[in-house]
Protein backbone atom coordinates (compact mmCIF):
# COMPACT_ATOMS: atom_id res chain seq x y z
CA MET A 1 27.35 105.56 116.45
CA GLU A 2 28.79 107.04 119.64
CA LYS A 3 30.67 104.69 121.95
CA LYS A 4 28.94 104.04 125.26
CA THR A 5 30.86 104.25 128.54
CA PHE A 6 30.15 103.44 132.17
CA ASP A 7 31.90 105.39 134.93
CA PHE A 8 31.50 104.25 138.55
CA SER A 9 32.91 107.59 139.74
CA LYS A 10 29.69 109.23 138.48
CA VAL A 11 27.39 107.02 140.58
CA GLU A 12 25.81 109.20 143.25
CA ILE A 13 23.75 107.77 146.08
CA LEU A 14 22.58 110.10 148.83
CA SER A 15 22.10 109.06 152.44
CA LEU A 16 19.06 110.10 154.50
CA ASP A 17 20.84 113.29 155.56
CA GLY A 18 21.55 114.21 151.93
CA LYS A 19 25.27 113.43 151.97
CA LYS A 20 26.88 111.54 149.11
CA MET A 21 27.66 107.96 150.08
CA GLY A 22 30.82 106.16 149.04
CA THR A 23 30.32 103.67 146.23
CA GLU A 24 33.53 101.61 146.43
CA GLN A 25 31.74 98.71 148.14
CA LEU A 26 28.98 98.81 145.51
CA ARG A 27 31.57 98.84 142.72
CA ALA A 28 33.28 95.81 144.26
CA GLU A 29 29.95 94.01 144.65
CA VAL A 30 28.88 94.65 141.04
CA CYS A 31 32.26 93.66 139.60
CA ASN A 32 32.60 90.53 141.74
CA SER A 33 29.04 89.46 141.00
CA LEU A 34 29.58 89.83 137.25
CA TYR A 35 32.93 88.05 137.40
CA MET A 36 32.11 85.23 139.82
CA GLN A 37 28.49 84.59 138.86
CA GLY A 38 28.59 85.46 135.18
CA GLN A 39 26.53 83.18 132.99
CA ASP A 40 28.87 83.67 130.04
CA ILE A 41 32.32 85.01 129.19
CA THR A 42 30.93 88.48 128.40
CA GLU A 43 29.70 88.94 131.97
CA CYS A 44 32.90 87.58 133.51
CA GLU A 45 35.12 89.79 131.36
CA LEU A 46 32.90 92.84 131.99
CA GLY A 47 33.32 92.38 135.75
CA ARG A 48 37.09 92.13 135.31
CA LYS A 49 37.22 95.13 132.98
CA LEU A 50 35.21 97.36 135.33
CA TRP A 51 37.27 96.27 138.36
CA HIS A 52 40.61 97.07 136.76
CA ALA A 53 39.52 100.46 135.39
CA VAL A 54 41.01 102.45 138.26
CA LYS A 55 43.71 105.11 138.26
CA ASP A 56 45.13 106.48 141.51
CA GLY A 57 42.25 104.88 143.40
CA VAL A 58 39.55 106.52 141.27
CA PRO A 59 37.29 104.49 138.96
CA GLN A 60 37.72 105.47 135.31
CA PRO A 61 35.21 105.44 132.45
CA VAL A 62 35.02 102.09 130.68
CA GLU A 63 33.95 101.73 127.06
CA ILE A 64 31.21 99.13 126.76
CA SER A 65 29.58 97.34 123.86
CA GLU A 66 25.82 97.05 123.34
CA GLU A 67 25.96 93.50 124.67
CA GLU A 68 27.86 94.64 127.78
CA GLU A 69 25.34 97.44 128.31
CA LYS A 70 22.55 94.86 128.22
CA LYS A 71 24.40 92.72 130.78
CA LEU A 72 24.85 95.74 133.07
CA ARG A 73 21.15 96.59 132.84
CA GLN A 74 20.28 93.01 133.81
CA GLN A 75 22.73 93.14 136.71
CA PHE A 76 21.42 96.48 137.97
CA GLU A 77 17.83 95.21 138.03
CA LYS A 78 18.83 93.00 140.99
CA TYR A 79 19.45 96.03 143.23
CA PRO A 80 17.01 98.00 145.41
CA TYR A 81 15.37 101.09 143.89
CA LEU A 82 17.79 103.82 145.11
CA ILE A 83 20.90 101.92 144.06
CA ARG A 84 19.37 100.69 140.79
CA THR A 85 18.25 104.16 139.73
CA ALA A 86 21.67 105.68 140.55
CA LEU A 87 23.43 103.02 138.47
CA LEU A 88 20.99 103.30 135.57
CA LYS A 89 21.27 107.10 135.58
CA VAL A 90 24.98 106.78 134.88
CA LEU A 91 24.45 104.04 132.30
CA ASN A 92 21.81 106.07 130.50
CA GLY A 93 24.11 109.08 130.41
């Protein structure tokens, strides 16, 4: 079975004028929400793991388990359509 990864640097959200929007604030929101509002240790640790996966200011791919993938899917469902679909596109590979 191939290992699953999530890479915030691959998240692409376009503004109304078609330009790629920055996702650093979204990354911070997702990570902080998982960490601070996690219902179990898996969610808290996933938020921490995603937050610290940065090299030279660029988010890096993070290997995730099936359970962590499920937690990310649940987290992403809380976001509006455009953001949710961009996040899920990356998660789905």
